[in-house]
Amino acid sequence: MRLLRTALAGLALVLVAGACASSGEPRDETPTYVTVDNQSRYDMTIYVVRDNGQRVRIGRVTSVSEERFEIPSYLVFGITTLRFLADPLAAQGSPISNQIAIVPGEEIHLTIPPM
């Protein structure tokens, strides 16, 4: 009987913690996009780079083409500063953008010049 009460208390604690995880405030779920115009002759893997240096892969753009990628919503909250890194598949060097301040719902345009 005591084991059953302990298990029920543990379950209640998990349910309460889950209820507290939601702040009740509406979160802006408007998608944020980056359009990458790759003018180089190399295919590029595109990453979002956070202030702490963490890289999050968002996709690949082939040479001399343009692609539109959605930036994961967990990376953009309020005014967020991000950088974008283009990693060429068959060449040296990885161009990285300056820091860009982004708000949810914004569309960013990046151009990778010919190399």
PDB file of N, CA and C in Angstrom:
ATOM      1  N   MET A   1       0.819  -1.188   0.000  1.00  0.00           N
ATOM      2  CA  MET A   1       0.000   0.000   0.000  1.00  0.00           C
ATOM      3  C   MET A   1       0.871   1.264   0.000  1.00  0.00           C
ATOM      4  N   ARG A   2       1.952   1.229   0.802  1.00  0.00           N
ATOM      5  CA  ARG A   2       2.840   2.397   0.855  1.00  0.00           C
ATOM      6  C   ARG A   2       3.510   2.635  -0.500  1.00  0.00           C
ATOM      7  N   LEU A   3       3.874   1.556  -1.209  1.00  0.00           N
ATOM      8  CA  LEU A   3       4.484   1.664  -2.528  1.00  0.00           C
ATOM      9  C   LEU A   3       3.519   2.328  -3.509  1.00  0.00           C
ATOM     10  N   LEU A   4       2.234   1.998  -3.410  1.00  0.00           N
ATOM     11  CA  LEU A   4       1.224   2.575  -4.292  1.00  0.00           C
ATOM     12  C   LEU A   4       1.095   4.075  -4.048  1.00  0.00           C
ATOM     13  N   ARG A   5       1.086   4.487  -2.751  1.00  0.00           N
ATOM     14  CA  ARG A   5       0.996   5.919  -2.432  1.00  0.00           C
ATOM     15  C   ARG A   5       2.216   6.677  -2.975  1.00  0.00           C
ATOM     16  N   THR A   6       3.404   6.099  -2.846  1.00  0.00           N
ATOM     17  CA  THR A   6       4.625   6.727  -3.352  1.00  0.00           C
ATOM     18  C   THR A   6       4.562   6.875  -4.866  1.00  0.00           C
ATOM     19  N   ALA A   7       4.083   5.855  -5.560  1.00  0.00           N
ATOM     20  CA  ALA A   7       3.960   5.920  -7.017  1.00  0.00           C
ATOM     21  C   ALA A   7       2.959   6.984  -7.423  1.00  0.00           C
ATOM     22  N   LEU A   8       1.818   7.071  -6.716  1.00  0.00           N
ATOM     23  CA  LEU A   8       0.807   8.085  -7.027  1.00  0.00           C
ATOM     24  C   LEU A   8       1.337   9.486  -6.744  1.00  0.00           C
ATOM     25  N   ALA A   9       2.080   9.645  -5.668  1.00  0.00           N
ATOM     26  CA  ALA A   9       2.662  10.954  -5.358  1.00  0.00           C
ATOM     27  C   ALA A   9       3.652  11.363  -6.436  1.00  0.00           C
ATOM     28  N   GLY A  10       4.454  10.405  -6.922  1.00  0.00           N
ATOM     29  CA  GLY A  10       5.399  10.698  -7.999  1.00  0.00           C
ATOM     30  C   GLY A  10       4.694  11.109  -9.268  1.00  0.00           C
ATOM     31  N   LEU A  11       3.580  10.448  -9.599  1.00  0.00           N
ATOM     32  CA  LEU A  11       2.805  10.785 -10.788  1.00  0.00           C
ATOM     33  C   LEU A  11       2.199  12.170 -10.656  1.00  0.00           C
ATOM     34  N   ALA A  12       1.685  12.487  -9.469  1.00  0.00           N
ATOM     35  CA  ALA A  12       1.100  13.806  -9.238  1.00  0.00           C
ATOM     36  C   ALA A  12       2.153  14.889  -9.411  1.00  0.00           C
ATOM     37  N   LEU A  13       3.366  14.638  -8.938  1.00  0.00           N
ATOM     38  CA  LEU A  13       4.454  15.601  -9.073  1.00  0.00           C
ATOM     39  C   LEU A  13       4.790  15.832 -10.543  1.00  0.00           C
ATOM     40  N   VAL A  14       4.798  14.774 -11.350  1.00  0.00           N
ATOM     41  CA  VAL A  14       5.070  14.901 -12.778  1.00  0.00           C
ATOM     42  C   VAL A  14       3.979  15.711 -13.459  1.00  0.00           C
ATOM     43  N   LEU A  15       2.707  15.472 -13.100  1.00  0.00           N
ATOM     44  CA  LEU A  15       1.598  16.210 -13.702  1.00  0.00           C
ATOM     45  C   LEU A  15       1.651  17.684 -13.330  1.00  0.00           C
ATOM     46  N   VAL A  16       1.987  17.991 -12.082  1.00  0.00           N
ATOM     47  CA  VAL A  16       2.106  19.380 -11.654  1.00  0.00           C
ATOM     48  C   VAL A  16       3.258  20.062 -12.384  1.00  0.00           C
ATOM     49  N   ALA A  17       4.387  19.398 -12.510  1.00  0.00           N
ATOM     50  CA  ALA A  17       5.531  19.975 -13.217  1.00  0.00           C
ATOM     51  C   ALA A  17       5.174  20.239 -14.671  1.00  0.00           C
ATOM     52  N   GLY A  18       4.426  19.326 -15.295  1.00  0.00           N
ATOM     53  CA  GLY A  18       4.004  19.536 -16.678  1.00  0.00           C
ATOM     54  C   GLY A  18       3.072  20.724 -16.812  1.00  0.00           C
ATOM     55  N   ALA A  19       2.207  20.920 -15.847  1.00  0.00           N
ATOM     56  CA  ALA A  19       1.284  22.051 -15.898  1.00  0.00           C
ATOM     57  C   ALA A  19       2.022  23.364 -15.713  1.00  0.00           C
ATOM     58  N   CYS A  20       3.084  23.368 -14.922  1.00  0.00           N
ATOM     59  CA  CYS A  20       3.849  24.594 -14.690  1.00  0.00           C
ATOM     60  C   CYS A  20       4.741  24.949 -15.870  1.00  0.00           C
ATOM     61  N   ALA A  21       5.013  23.997 -16.734  1.00  0.00           N
ATOM     62  CA  ALA A  21       5.900  24.256 -17.867  1.00  0.00           C
ATOM     63  C   ALA A  21       5.298  25.247 -18.832  1.00  0.00           C
ATOM     64  N   SER A  22       3.982  25.310 -18.908  1.00  0.00           N
ATOM     65  CA  SER A  22       3.321  26.263 -19.795  1.00  0.00           C
ATOM     66  C   SER A  22       3.086  27.546 -19.026  1.00  0.00           C
ATOM     67  N   SER A  23       3.629  28.646 -19.510  1.00  0.00           N
ATOM     68  CA  SER A  23       3.512  29.908 -18.796  1.00  0.00           C
ATOM     69  C   SER A  23       2.150  30.553 -18.974  1.00  0.00           C
ATOM     70  N   GLY A  24       1.367  30.081 -19.936  1.00  0.00           N
ATOM     71  CA  GLY A  24       0.062  30.673 -20.174  1.00  0.00           C
ATOM     72  C   GLY A  24       0.117  31.886 -21.086  1.00  0.00           C
ATOM     73  N   GLU A  25       1.305  32.409 -21.323  1.00  0.00           N
ATOM     74  CA  GLU A  25       1.439  33.552 -22.218  1.00  0.00           C
ATOM     75  C   GLU A  25       1.419  33.071 -23.660  1.00  0.00           C
ATOM     76  N   PRO A  26       0.706  33.785 -24.542  1.00  0.00           N
ATOM     77  CA  PRO A  26       0.716  33.350 -25.949  1.00  0.00           C
ATOM     78  C   PRO A  26       2.103  33.532 -26.539  1.00  0.00           C
ATOM     79  N   ARG A  27       2.578  32.511 -27.236  1.00  0.00           N
ATOM     80  CA  ARG A  27       3.891  32.568 -27.858  1.00  0.00           C
ATOM     81  C   ARG A  27       3.712  32.841 -29.341  1.00  0.00           C
ATOM     82  N   ASP A  28       4.525  33.718 -29.868  1.00  0.00           N
ATOM     83  CA  ASP A  28       4.431  34.053 -31.285  1.00  0.00           C
ATOM     84  C   ASP A  28       4.984  32.892 -32.097  1.00  0.00           C
ATOM     85  N   GLU A  29       4.110  32.193 -32.803  1.00  0.00           N
ATOM     86  CA  GLU A  29       4.518  31.035 -33.602  1.00  0.00           C
ATOM     87  C   GLU A  29       4.630  31.395 -35.096  1.00  0.00           C
ATOM     88  N   THR A  30       4.743  32.678 -35.405  1.00  0.00           N
ATOM     89  CA  THR A  30       4.889  33.094 -36.791  1.00  0.00           C
ATOM     90  C   THR A  30       6.222  32.575 -37.317  1.00  0.00           C
ATOM     91  N   PRO A  31       6.211  31.825 -38.424  1.00  0.00           N
ATOM     92  CA  PRO A  31       7.479  31.284 -38.949  1.00  0.00           C
ATOM     93  C   PRO A  31       8.439  32.389 -39.387  1.00  0.00           C
ATOM     94  N   THR A  32       9.709  32.131 -39.191  1.00  0.00           N
ATOM     95  CA  THR A  32      10.776  33.033 -39.605  1.00  0.00           C
ATOM     96  C   THR A  32      11.587  32.304 -40.674  1.00  0.00           C
ATOM     97  N   TYR A  33      11.899  32.999 -41.766  1.00  0.00           N
ATOM     98  CA  TYR A  33      12.563  32.358 -42.900  1.00  0.00           C
ATOM     99  C   TYR A  33      13.862  33.058 -43.260  1.00  0.00           C
ATOM    100  N   VAL A  34      14.755  32.277 -43.865  1.00  0.00           N
ATOM    101  CA  VAL A  34      15.951  32.830 -44.485  1.00  0.00           C
ATOM    102  C   VAL A  34      15.977  32.310 -45.920  1.00  0.00           C
ATOM    103  N   THR A  35      16.163  33.209 -46.870  1.00  0.00           N
ATOM    104  CA  THR A  35      16.326  32.842 -48.268  1.00  0.00           C
ATOM    105  C   THR A  35      17.790  33.005 -48.611  1.00  0.00           C
ATOM    106  N   VAL A  36      18.401  31.935 -49.118  1.00  0.00           N
ATOM    107  CA  VAL A  36      19.824  31.938 -49.436  1.00  0.00           C
ATOM    108  C   VAL A  36      19.984  31.882 -50.950  1.00  0.00           C
ATOM    109  N   ASP A  37      20.629  32.914 -51.491  1.00  0.00           N
ATOM    110  CA  ASP A  37      20.943  32.977 -52.921  1.00  0.00           C
ATOM    111  C   ASP A  37      22.407  32.560 -53.066  1.00  0.00           C
ATOM    112  N   ASN A  38      22.621  31.320 -53.495  1.00  0.00           N
ATOM    113  CA  ASN A  38      23.975  30.779 -53.629  1.00  0.00           C
ATOM    114  C   ASN A  38      24.480  31.023 -55.043  1.00  0.00           C
ATOM    115  N   GLN A  39      25.341  32.020 -55.203  1.00  0.00           N
ATOM    116  CA  GLN A  39      25.882  32.356 -56.512  1.00  0.00           C
ATOM    117  C   GLN A  39      27.218  31.659 -56.776  1.00  0.00           C
ATOM    118  N   SER A  40      27.678  30.867 -55.819  1.00  0.00           N
ATOM    119  CA  SER A  40      28.957  30.181 -56.002  1.00  0.00           C
ATOM    120  C   SER A  40      28.755  28.873 -56.763  1.00  0.00           C
ATOM    121  N   ARG A  41      29.859  28.254 -57.147  1.00  0.00           N
ATOM    122  CA  ARG A  41      29.774  26.995 -57.888  1.00  0.00           C
ATOM    123  C   ARG A  41      29.773  25.780 -56.969  1.00  0.00           C
ATOM    124  N   TYR A  42      29.721  26.016 -55.659  1.00  0.00           N
ATOM    125  CA  TYR A  42      29.734  24.930 -54.679  1.00  0.00           C
ATOM    126  C   TYR A  42      28.375  24.799 -53.993  1.00  0.00           C
ATOM    127  N   ASP A  43      27.960  23.557 -53.735  1.00  0.00           N
ATOM    128  CA  ASP A  43      26.795  23.326 -52.892  1.00  0.00           C
ATOM    129  C   ASP A  43      27.172  23.730 -51.472  1.00  0.00           C
ATOM    130  N   MET A  44      26.211  24.291 -50.725  1.00  0.00           N
ATOM    131  CA  MET A  44      26.483  24.778 -49.371  1.00  0.00           C
ATOM    132  C   MET A  44      25.495  24.189 -48.377  1.00  0.00           C
ATOM    133  N   THR A  45      26.015  23.792 -47.237  1.00  0.00           N
ATOM    134  CA  THR A  45      25.169  23.431 -46.107  1.00  0.00           C
ATOM    135  C   THR A  45      25.033  24.688 -45.263  1.00  0.00           C
ATOM    136  N   ILE A  46      23.791  25.037 -44.925  1.00  0.00           N
ATOM    137  CA  ILE A  46      23.522  26.283 -44.215  1.00  0.00           C
ATOM    138  C   ILE A  46      23.221  25.980 -42.750  1.00  0.00           C
ATOM    139  N   TYR A  47      23.879  26.735 -41.881  1.00  0.00           N
ATOM    140  CA  TYR A  47      23.682  26.595 -40.436  1.00  0.00           C
ATOM    141  C   TYR A  47      23.273  27.937 -39.847  1.00  0.00           C
ATOM    142  N   VAL A  48      22.472  27.894 -38.786  1.00  0.00           N
ATOM    143  CA  VAL A  48      22.224  29.050 -37.930  1.00  0.00           C
ATOM    144  C   VAL A  48      23.203  28.914 -36.775  1.00  0.00           C
ATOM    145  N   VAL A  49      23.887  30.011 -36.428  1.00  0.00           N
ATOM    146  CA  VAL A  49      24.854  29.986 -35.334  1.00  0.00           C
ATOM    147  C   VAL A  49      24.348  30.916 -34.238  1.00  0.00           C
ATOM    148  N   ARG A  50      24.155  30.334 -33.062  1.00  0.00           N
ATOM    149  CA  ARG A  50      23.693  31.112 -31.913  1.00  0.00           C
ATOM    150  C   ARG A  50      24.867  31.843 -31.268  1.00  0.00           C
ATOM    151  N   ASP A  51      24.556  32.772 -30.362  1.00  0.00           N
ATOM    152  CA  ASP A  51      25.593  33.546 -29.671  1.00  0.00           C
ATOM    153  C   ASP A  51      26.577  32.664 -28.914  1.00  0.00           C
ATOM    154  N   ASN A  52      26.114  31.507 -28.426  1.00  0.00           N
ATOM    155  CA  ASN A  52      27.001  30.621 -27.662  1.00  0.00           C
ATOM    156  C   ASN A  52      27.852  29.733 -28.573  1.00  0.00           C
ATOM    157  N   GLY A  53      27.749  29.906 -29.891  1.00  0.00           N
ATOM    158  CA  GLY A  53      28.549  29.142 -30.834  1.00  0.00           C
ATOM    159  C   GLY A  53      27.885  27.876 -31.345  1.00  0.00           C
ATOM    160  N   GLN A  54      26.724  27.518 -30.793  1.00  0.00           N
ATOM    161  CA  GLN A  54      26.016  26.319 -31.239  1.00  0.00           C
ATOM    162  C   GLN A  54      25.551  26.483 -32.686  1.00  0.00           C
ATOM    163  N   ARG A  55      25.834  25.460 -33.515  1.00  0.00           N
ATOM    164  CA  ARG A  55      25.404  25.460 -34.912  1.00  0.00           C
ATOM    165  C   ARG A  55      24.196  24.546 -35.059  1.00  0.00           C
ATOM    166  N   VAL A  56      23.181  25.036 -35.778  1.00  0.00           N
ATOM    167  CA  VAL A  56      21.984  24.250 -36.059  1.00  0.00           C
ATOM    168  C   VAL A  56      21.823  24.207 -37.573  1.00  0.00           C
ATOM    169  N   ARG A  57      21.888  23.007 -38.146  1.00  0.00           N
ATOM    170  CA  ARG A  57      21.764  22.848 -39.600  1.00  0.00           C
ATOM    171  C   ARG A  57      20.322  23.088 -40.009  1.00  0.00           C
ATOM    172  N   ILE A  58      20.134  23.951 -41.018  1.00  0.00           N
ATOM    173  CA  ILE A  58      18.771  24.203 -41.489  1.00  0.00           C
ATOM    174  C   ILE A  58      18.547  23.716 -42.916  1.00  0.00           C
ATOM    175  N   GLY A  59      19.609  23.347 -43.633  1.00  0.00           N
ATOM    176  CA  GLY A  59      19.405  22.801 -44.972  1.00  0.00           C
ATOM    177  C   GLY A  59      20.612  22.951 -45.868  1.00  0.00           C
ATOM    178  N   ARG A  60      20.381  22.622 -47.143  1.00  0.00           N
ATOM    179  CA  ARG A  60      21.439  22.677 -48.144  1.00  0.00           C
ATOM    180  C   ARG A  60      20.913  23.413 -49.370  1.00  0.00           C
ATOM    181  N   VAL A  61      21.776  24.241 -49.946  1.00  0.00           N
ATOM    182  CA  VAL A  61      21.438  24.947 -51.179  1.00  0.00           C
ATOM    183  C   VAL A  61      22.478  24.560 -52.228  1.00  0.00           C
ATOM    184  N   THR A  62      21.987  24.145 -53.391  1.00  0.00           N
ATOM    185  CA  THR A  62      22.901  23.725 -54.450  1.00  0.00           C
ATOM    186  C   THR A  62      23.531  24.941 -55.115  1.00  0.00           C
ATOM    187  N   SER A  63      24.575  24.687 -55.893  1.00  0.00           N
ATOM    188  CA  SER A  63      25.297  25.779 -56.537  1.00  0.00           C
ATOM    189  C   SER A  63      24.379  26.540 -57.488  1.00  0.00           C
ATOM    190  N   VAL A  64      24.634  27.829 -57.574  1.00  0.00           N
ATOM    191  CA  VAL A  64      23.927  28.750 -58.465  1.00  0.00           C
ATOM    192  C   VAL A  64      22.408  28.530 -58.386  1.00  0.00           C
ATOM    193  N   SER A  65      21.886  28.558 -57.171  1.00  0.00           N
ATOM    194  CA  SER A  65      20.443  28.433 -56.974  1.00  0.00           C
ATOM    195  C   SER A  65      20.039  29.164 -55.702  1.00  0.00           C
ATOM    196  N   GLU A  66      18.743  29.185 -55.448  1.00  0.00           N
ATOM    197  CA  GLU A  66      18.205  29.883 -54.291  1.00  0.00           C
ATOM    198  C   GLU A  66      17.262  28.941 -53.548  1.00  0.00           C
ATOM    199  N   GLU A  67      17.347  28.952 -52.231  1.00  0.00           N
ATOM    200  CA  GLU A  67      16.481  28.121 -51.395  1.00  0.00           C
ATOM    201  C   GLU A  67      15.958  28.953 -50.232  1.00  0.00           C
ATOM    202  N   ARG A  68      14.767  28.595 -49.782  1.00  0.00           N
ATOM    203  CA  ARG A  68      14.145  29.258 -48.628  1.00  0.00           C
ATOM    204  C   ARG A  68      14.021  28.225 -47.504  1.00  0.00           C
ATOM    205  N   PHE A  69      14.506  28.588 -46.314  1.00  0.00           N
ATOM    206  CA  PHE A  69      14.490  27.690 -45.167  1.00  0.00           C
ATOM    207  C   PHE A  69      13.755  28.339 -44.008  1.00  0.00           C
ATOM    208  N   GLU A  70      13.008  27.526 -43.273  1.00  0.00           N
ATOM    209  CA  GLU A  70      12.380  28.023 -42.056  1.00  0.00           C
ATOM    210  C   GLU A  70      13.381  27.894 -40.913  1.00  0.00           C
ATOM    211  N   ILE A  71      13.537  28.965 -40.163  1.00  0.00           N
ATOM    212  CA  ILE A  71      14.403  28.937 -38.990  1.00  0.00           C
ATOM    213  C   ILE A  71      13.580  28.337 -37.850  1.00  0.00           C
ATOM    214  N   PRO A  72      14.096  27.313 -37.170  1.00  0.00           N
ATOM    215  CA  PRO A  72      13.327  26.692 -36.085  1.00  0.00           C
ATOM    216  C   PRO A  72      12.861  27.734 -35.068  1.00  0.00           C
ATOM    217  N   SER A  73      11.606  27.633 -34.657  1.00  0.00           N
ATOM    218  CA  SER A  73      11.017  28.642 -33.762  1.00  0.00           C
ATOM    219  C   SER A  73      11.723  28.713 -32.411  1.00  0.00           C
ATOM    220  N   TYR A  74      12.348  27.618 -31.970  1.00  0.00           N
ATOM    221  CA  TYR A  74      13.038  27.661 -30.673  1.00  0.00           C
ATOM    222  C   TYR A  74      14.312  28.516 -30.732  1.00  0.00           C
ATOM    223  N   LEU A  75      14.741  28.921 -31.929  1.00  0.00           N
ATOM    224  CA  LEU A  75      15.930  29.765 -32.060  1.00  0.00           C
ATOM    225  C   LEU A  75      15.594  31.250 -32.088  1.00  0.00           C
ATOM    226  N   VAL A  76      14.319  31.581 -32.342  1.00  0.00           N
ATOM    227  CA  VAL A  76      13.923  32.983 -32.491  1.00  0.00           C
ATOM    228  C   VAL A  76      12.850  33.308 -31.464  1.00  0.00           C
ATOM    229  N   PHE A  77      13.176  34.174 -30.521  1.00  0.00           N
ATOM    230  CA  PHE A  77      12.221  34.598 -29.501  1.00  0.00           C
ATOM    231  C   PHE A  77      12.502  36.059 -29.197  1.00  0.00           C
ATOM    232  N   GLY A  78      11.485  36.903 -29.358  1.00  0.00           N
ATOM    233  CA  GLY A  78      11.709  38.338 -29.206  1.00  0.00           C
ATOM    234  C   GLY A  78      12.727  38.796 -30.232  1.00  0.00           C
ATOM    235  N   ILE A  79      13.555  39.738 -29.854  1.00  0.00           N
ATOM    236  CA  ILE A  79      14.652  40.160 -30.725  1.00  0.00           C
ATOM    237  C   ILE A  79      15.829  39.238 -30.434  1.00  0.00           C
ATOM    238  N   THR A  80      16.231  38.459 -31.436  1.00  0.00           N
ATOM    239  CA  THR A  80      17.289  37.467 -31.282  1.00  0.00           C
ATOM    240  C   THR A  80      18.423  37.768 -32.237  1.00  0.00           C
ATOM    241  N   THR A  81      19.644  37.644 -31.773  1.00  0.00           N
ATOM    242  CA  THR A  81      20.817  37.858 -32.612  1.00  0.00           C
ATOM    243  C   THR A  81      21.356  36.503 -33.061  1.00  0.00           C
ATOM    244  N   LEU A  82      21.421  36.313 -34.384  1.00  0.00           N
ATOM    245  CA  LEU A  82      21.924  35.072 -34.957  1.00  0.00           C
ATOM    246  C   LEU A  82      22.936  35.385 -36.048  1.00  0.00           C
ATOM    247  N   ARG A  83      23.706  34.375 -36.416  1.00  0.00           N
ATOM    248  CA  ARG A  83      24.604  34.439 -37.563  1.00  0.00           C
ATOM    249  C   ARG A  83      24.292  33.233 -38.437  1.00  0.00           C
ATOM    250  N   PHE A  84      24.694  33.310 -39.694  1.00  0.00           N
ATOM    251  CA  PHE A  84      24.477  32.213 -40.625  1.00  0.00           C
ATOM    252  C   PHE A  84      25.822  31.790 -41.198  1.00  0.00           C
ATOM    253  N   LEU A  85      26.028  30.478 -41.266  1.00  0.00           N
ATOM    254  CA  LEU A  85      27.279  29.921 -41.755  1.00  0.00           C
ATOM    255  C   LEU A  85      26.975  29.080 -42.990  1.00  0.00           C
ATOM    256  N   ALA A  86      27.757  29.276 -44.046  1.00  0.00           N
ATOM    257  CA  ALA A  86      27.627  28.483 -45.274  1.00  0.00           C
ATOM    258  C   ALA A  86      28.868  27.609 -45.382  1.00  0.00           C
ATOM    259  N   ASP A  87      28.667  26.304 -45.302  1.00  0.00           N
ATOM    260  CA  ASP A  87      29.771  25.357 -45.333  1.00  0.00           C
ATOM    261  C   ASP A  87      29.813  24.680 -46.701  1.00  0.00           C
ATOM    262  N   PRO A  88      30.815  25.000 -47.537  1.00  0.00           N
ATOM    263  CA  PRO A  88      30.874  24.393 -48.872  1.00  0.00           C
ATOM    264  C   PRO A  88      31.191  22.909 -48.793  1.00  0.00           C
ATOM    265  N   LEU A  89      30.565  22.130 -49.671  1.00  0.00           N
ATOM    266  CA  LEU A  89      30.737  20.683 -49.642  1.00  0.00           C
ATOM    267  C   LEU A  89      32.057  20.227 -50.250  1.00  0.00           C
ATOM    268  N   ALA A  90      32.618  20.970 -51.176  1.00  0.00           N
ATOM    269  CA  ALA A  90      33.828  20.495 -51.865  1.00  0.00           C
ATOM    270  C   ALA A  90      34.910  21.570 -51.931  1.00  0.00           C
ATOM    271  N   ALA A  91      34.956  22.448 -50.931  1.00  0.00           N
ATOM    272  CA  ALA A  91      35.953  23.525 -50.961  1.00  0.00           C
ATOM    273  C   ALA A  91      36.359  23.885 -49.541  1.00  0.00           C
ATOM    274  N   GLN A  92      37.399  24.670 -49.422  1.00  0.00           N
ATOM    275  CA  GLN A  92      37.890  25.136 -48.130  1.00  0.00           C
ATOM    276  C   GLN A  92      37.173  26.424 -47.740  1.00  0.00           C
ATOM    277  N   GLY A  93      37.124  26.684 -46.457  1.00  0.00           N
ATOM    278  CA  GLY A  93      36.559  27.930 -45.951  1.00  0.00           C
ATOM    279  C   GLY A  93      35.061  27.845 -45.770  1.00  0.00           C
ATOM    280  N   SER A  94      34.562  28.559 -44.773  1.00  0.00           N
ATOM    281  CA  SER A  94      33.135  28.596 -44.491  1.00  0.00           C
ATOM    282  C   SER A  94      32.729  30.032 -44.211  1.00  0.00           C
ATOM    283  N   PRO A  95      32.143  30.713 -45.204  1.00  0.00           N
ATOM    284  CA  PRO A  95      31.732  32.100 -44.975  1.00  0.00           C
ATOM    285  C   PRO A  95      30.673  32.169 -43.880  1.00  0.00           C
ATOM    286  N   ILE A  96      30.782  33.180 -43.025  1.00  0.00           N
ATOM    287  CA  ILE A  96      29.799  33.380 -41.956  1.00  0.00           C
ATOM    288  C   ILE A  96      29.335  34.826 -42.006  1.00  0.00           C
ATOM    289  N   SER A  97      28.048  35.019 -41.756  1.00  0.00           N
ATOM    290  CA  SER A  97      27.478  36.365 -41.812  1.00  0.00           C
ATOM    291  C   SER A  97      27.840  37.154 -40.561  1.00  0.00           C
ATOM    292  N   ASN A  98      27.593  38.442 -40.622  1.00  0.00           N
ATOM    293  CA  ASN A  98      27.656  39.273 -39.424  1.00  0.00           C
ATOM    294  C   ASN A  98      26.488  38.894 -38.539  1.00  0.00           C
ATOM    295  N   GLN A  99      26.469  39.400 -37.313  1.00  0.00           N
ATOM    296  CA  GLN A  99      25.327  39.172 -36.444  1.00  0.00           C
ATOM    297  C   GLN A  99      24.123  39.925 -37.009  1.00  0.00           C
ATOM    298  N   ILE A 100      22.983  39.240 -37.001  1.00  0.00           N
ATOM    299  CA  ILE A 100      21.761  39.827 -37.531  1.00  0.00           C
ATOM    300  C   ILE A 100      20.692  39.745 -36.454  1.00  0.00           C
ATOM    301  N   ALA A 101      20.070  40.871 -36.132  1.00  0.00           N
ATOM    302  CA  ALA A 101      18.971  40.886 -35.166  1.00  0.00           C
ATOM    303  C   ALA A 101      17.690  40.494 -35.895  1.00  0.00           C
ATOM    304  N   ILE A 102      17.013  39.482 -35.377  1.00  0.00           N
ATOM    305  CA  ILE A 102      15.835  38.912 -36.028  1.00  0.00           C
ATOM    306  C   ILE A 102      14.680  38.894 -35.042  1.00  0.00           C
ATOM    307  N   VAL A 103      13.474  39.138 -35.544  1.00  0.00           N
ATOM    308  CA  VAL A 103      12.262  38.976 -34.749  1.00  0.00           C
ATOM    309  C   VAL A 103      11.382  37.918 -35.418  1.00  0.00           C
ATOM    310  N   PRO A 104      10.544  37.217 -34.658  1.00  0.00           N
ATOM    311  CA  PRO A 104       9.680  36.201 -35.250  1.00  0.00           C
ATOM    312  C   PRO A 104       8.858  36.759 -36.410  1.00  0.00           C
ATOM    313  N   GLY A 105       8.746  35.980 -37.473  1.00  0.00           N
ATOM    314  CA  GLY A 105       7.969  36.378 -38.639  1.00  0.00           C
ATOM    315  C   GLY A 105       8.757  37.117 -39.699  1.00  0.00           C
ATOM    316  N   GLU A 106       9.994  37.416 -39.432  1.00  0.00           N
ATOM    317  CA  GLU A 106      10.818  38.162 -40.376  1.00  0.00           C
ATOM    318  C   GLU A 106      11.373  37.234 -41.456  1.00  0.00           C
ATOM    319  N   GLU A 107      11.712  37.804 -42.599  1.00  0.00           N
ATOM    320  CA  GLU A 107      12.357  37.042 -43.668  1.00  0.00           C
ATOM    321  C   GLU A 107      13.713  37.675 -43.943  1.00  0.00           C
ATOM    322  N   ILE A 108      14.755  36.860 -43.867  1.00  0.00           N
ATOM    323  CA  ILE A 108      16.130  37.311 -44.074  1.00  0.00           C
ATOM    324  C   ILE A 108      16.582  36.831 -45.450  1.00  0.00           C
ATOM    325  N   HIS A 109      17.334  37.665 -46.170  1.00  0.00           N
ATOM    326  CA  HIS A 109      17.899  37.292 -47.469  1.00  0.00           C
ATOM    327  C   HIS A 109      19.415  37.331 -47.369  1.00  0.00           C
ATOM    328  N   LEU A 110      20.044  36.214 -47.700  1.00  0.00           N
ATOM    329  CA  LEU A 110      21.505  36.130 -47.705  1.00  0.00           C
ATOM    330  C   LEU A 110      21.978  35.793 -49.104  1.00  0.00           C
ATOM    331  N   THR A 111      23.071  36.392 -49.518  1.00  0.00           N
ATOM    332  CA  THR A 111      23.672  36.092 -50.812  1.00  0.00           C
ATOM    333  C   THR A 111      25.086  35.574 -50.585  1.00  0.00           C
ATOM    334  N   ILE A 112      25.365  34.413 -51.172  1.00  0.00           N
ATOM    335  CA  ILE A 112      26.723  33.857 -51.158  1.00  0.00           C
ATOM    336  C   ILE A 112      27.321  34.202 -52.511  1.00  0.00           C
ATOM    337  N   PRO A 113      28.318  35.090 -52.551  1.00  0.00           N
ATOM    338  CA  PRO A 113      28.878  35.516 -53.842  1.00  0.00           C
ATOM    339  C   PRO A 113      29.694  34.411 -54.501  1.00  0.00           C
ATOM    340  N   PRO A 114      29.981  34.548 -55.785  1.00  0.00           N
ATOM    341  CA  PRO A 114      30.838  33.554 -56.466  1.00  0.00           C
ATOM    342  C   PRO A 114      32.181  33.506 -55.767  1.00  0.00           C
ATOM    343  N   MET A 115      32.739  32.297 -55.665  1.00  0.00           N
ATOM    344  CA  MET A 115      34.030  32.124 -54.989  1.00  0.00           C
ATOM    345  C   MET A 115      35.114  31.922 -56.019  1.00  0.00           C
TER     346      MET A 115
END
